[in-house]
Amino acid sequence: MPIVRIPTPLRSYTQNLAEVKVEGATVGDVLRGLEQTCPGIGTRLFDDKGGLKRYVNVFHNDEDIRFLQNLQTPVTDADTLSIIPAIAGG
């Protein structure tokens, strides 16, 4: 199963786990499976249309999924997905 790395601000949804294994054939499948495993986390990741929120970045291994096939990016059991919330400052 792919591993999803959870950032500190979202760990309250994962019982403080930094990594969660979730089944899925694509990045979208894995992230939707994460919502089933960790209820409530999906509202922090997805917008009303089912896409990722603008300020949520997801990396498939070391590649930003926006430069791959976005939520349709295929995953294998050996892959790692990292959720990285955008940081703004000024």
Protein backbone atom coordinates (compact mmCIF):
# COMPACT_ATOMS: atom_id res chain seq x y z
CA MET A 1 0.00 0.00 0.00
CA PRO A 2 1.23 3.52 -0.72
CA ILE A 3 2.29 5.60 2.27
CA VAL A 4 0.81 9.06 2.82
CA ARG A 5 2.97 11.48 4.82
CA ILE A 6 0.79 13.71 6.96
CA PRO A 7 1.87 17.26 7.89
CA THR A 8 1.73 18.22 11.56
CA PRO A 9 -1.37 20.48 11.24
CA LEU A 10 -3.43 17.52 9.92
CA ARG A 11 -2.25 14.86 12.35
CA SER A 12 -5.21 15.45 14.66
CA TYR A 13 -7.21 13.55 12.01
CA THR A 14 -4.74 10.61 11.98
CA GLN A 15 -4.42 10.03 15.73
CA ASN A 16 -1.07 11.86 15.55
CA LEU A 17 0.38 9.46 12.97
CA ALA A 18 2.98 11.01 10.65
CA GLU A 19 2.40 8.32 8.00
CA VAL A 20 -0.68 6.35 7.02
CA LYS A 21 -0.87 3.43 4.56
CA VAL A 22 -3.87 3.68 2.24
CA GLU A 23 -4.86 1.51 -0.73
CA GLY A 24 -5.56 3.01 -4.11
CA ALA A 25 -4.64 2.88 -7.79
CA THR A 26 -4.32 6.66 -8.23
CA VAL A 27 -3.41 9.63 -6.07
CA GLY A 28 -7.11 10.56 -5.94
CA ASP A 29 -8.09 7.05 -4.83
CA VAL A 30 -5.50 7.13 -2.05
CA LEU A 31 -6.54 10.56 -0.80
CA ARG A 32 -10.23 9.62 -0.85
CA GLY A 33 -9.30 6.42 1.00
CA LEU A 34 -7.46 8.57 3.52
CA GLU A 35 -10.74 10.39 4.19
CA GLN A 36 -12.44 7.05 4.89
CA THR A 37 -9.62 6.00 7.23
CA CYS A 38 -9.29 9.41 8.88
CA PRO A 39 -12.72 11.10 8.82
CA GLY A 40 -12.66 14.87 8.46
CA ILE A 41 -9.30 15.16 6.73
CA GLY A 42 -10.96 15.32 3.29
CA THR A 43 -12.53 18.71 4.00
CA ARG A 44 -9.01 20.06 4.52
CA LEU A 45 -7.79 18.60 1.21
CA PHE A 46 -10.64 18.81 -1.31
CA ASP A 47 -12.72 21.70 -2.61
CA ASP A 48 -16.46 21.58 -3.36
CA LYS A 49 -15.82 20.16 -6.83
CA GLY A 50 -13.65 17.28 -5.61
CA GLY A 51 -10.33 18.79 -6.68
CA LEU A 52 -7.47 19.64 -4.37
CA LYS A 53 -7.73 22.98 -2.62
CA ARG A 54 -5.38 25.60 -4.06
CA TYR A 55 -3.19 25.72 -0.98
CA VAL A 56 -2.70 21.95 -0.72
CA ASN A 57 0.29 20.48 -2.53
CA VAL A 58 0.70 16.73 -2.99
CA PHE A 59 3.94 15.11 -4.04
CA HIS A 60 4.14 11.64 -5.57
CA ASN A 61 7.54 10.50 -4.36
CA ASP A 62 9.43 13.77 -5.12
CA GLU A 63 7.23 15.08 -7.96
CA ASP A 64 4.41 17.61 -7.61
CA ILE A 65 1.28 15.87 -8.92
CA ARG A 66 0.30 19.07 -10.76
CA PHE A 67 3.17 18.34 -13.16
CA LEU A 68 2.14 14.69 -13.51
CA GLN A 69 -1.46 13.59 -13.98
CA ASN A 70 -2.80 15.40 -10.91
CA LEU A 71 -5.30 13.21 -9.00
CA GLN A 72 -5.21 10.65 -11.83
CA THR A 73 -1.49 9.95 -11.27
CA PRO A 74 -1.06 6.16 -10.89
CA VAL A 75 0.48 4.84 -7.66
CA THR A 76 2.08 1.57 -6.63
CA ASP A 77 2.59 -0.06 -3.26
CA ALA A 78 6.16 1.28 -3.18
CA ASP A 79 5.12 4.94 -3.60
CA THR A 80 4.99 7.71 -1.04
CA LEU A 81 2.60 10.64 -1.19
CA SER A 82 3.42 13.76 0.81
CA ILE A 83 0.77 16.33 1.67
CA ILE A 84 2.37 19.77 1.93
CA PRO A 85 0.19 22.74 2.90
CA ALA A 86 1.27 25.95 1.18
CA ILE A 87 2.88 28.54 3.40
CA ALA A 88 2.23 32.22 2.80
CA GLY A 89 3.92 35.16 4.35
CA GLY A 90 4.50 38.76 3.87
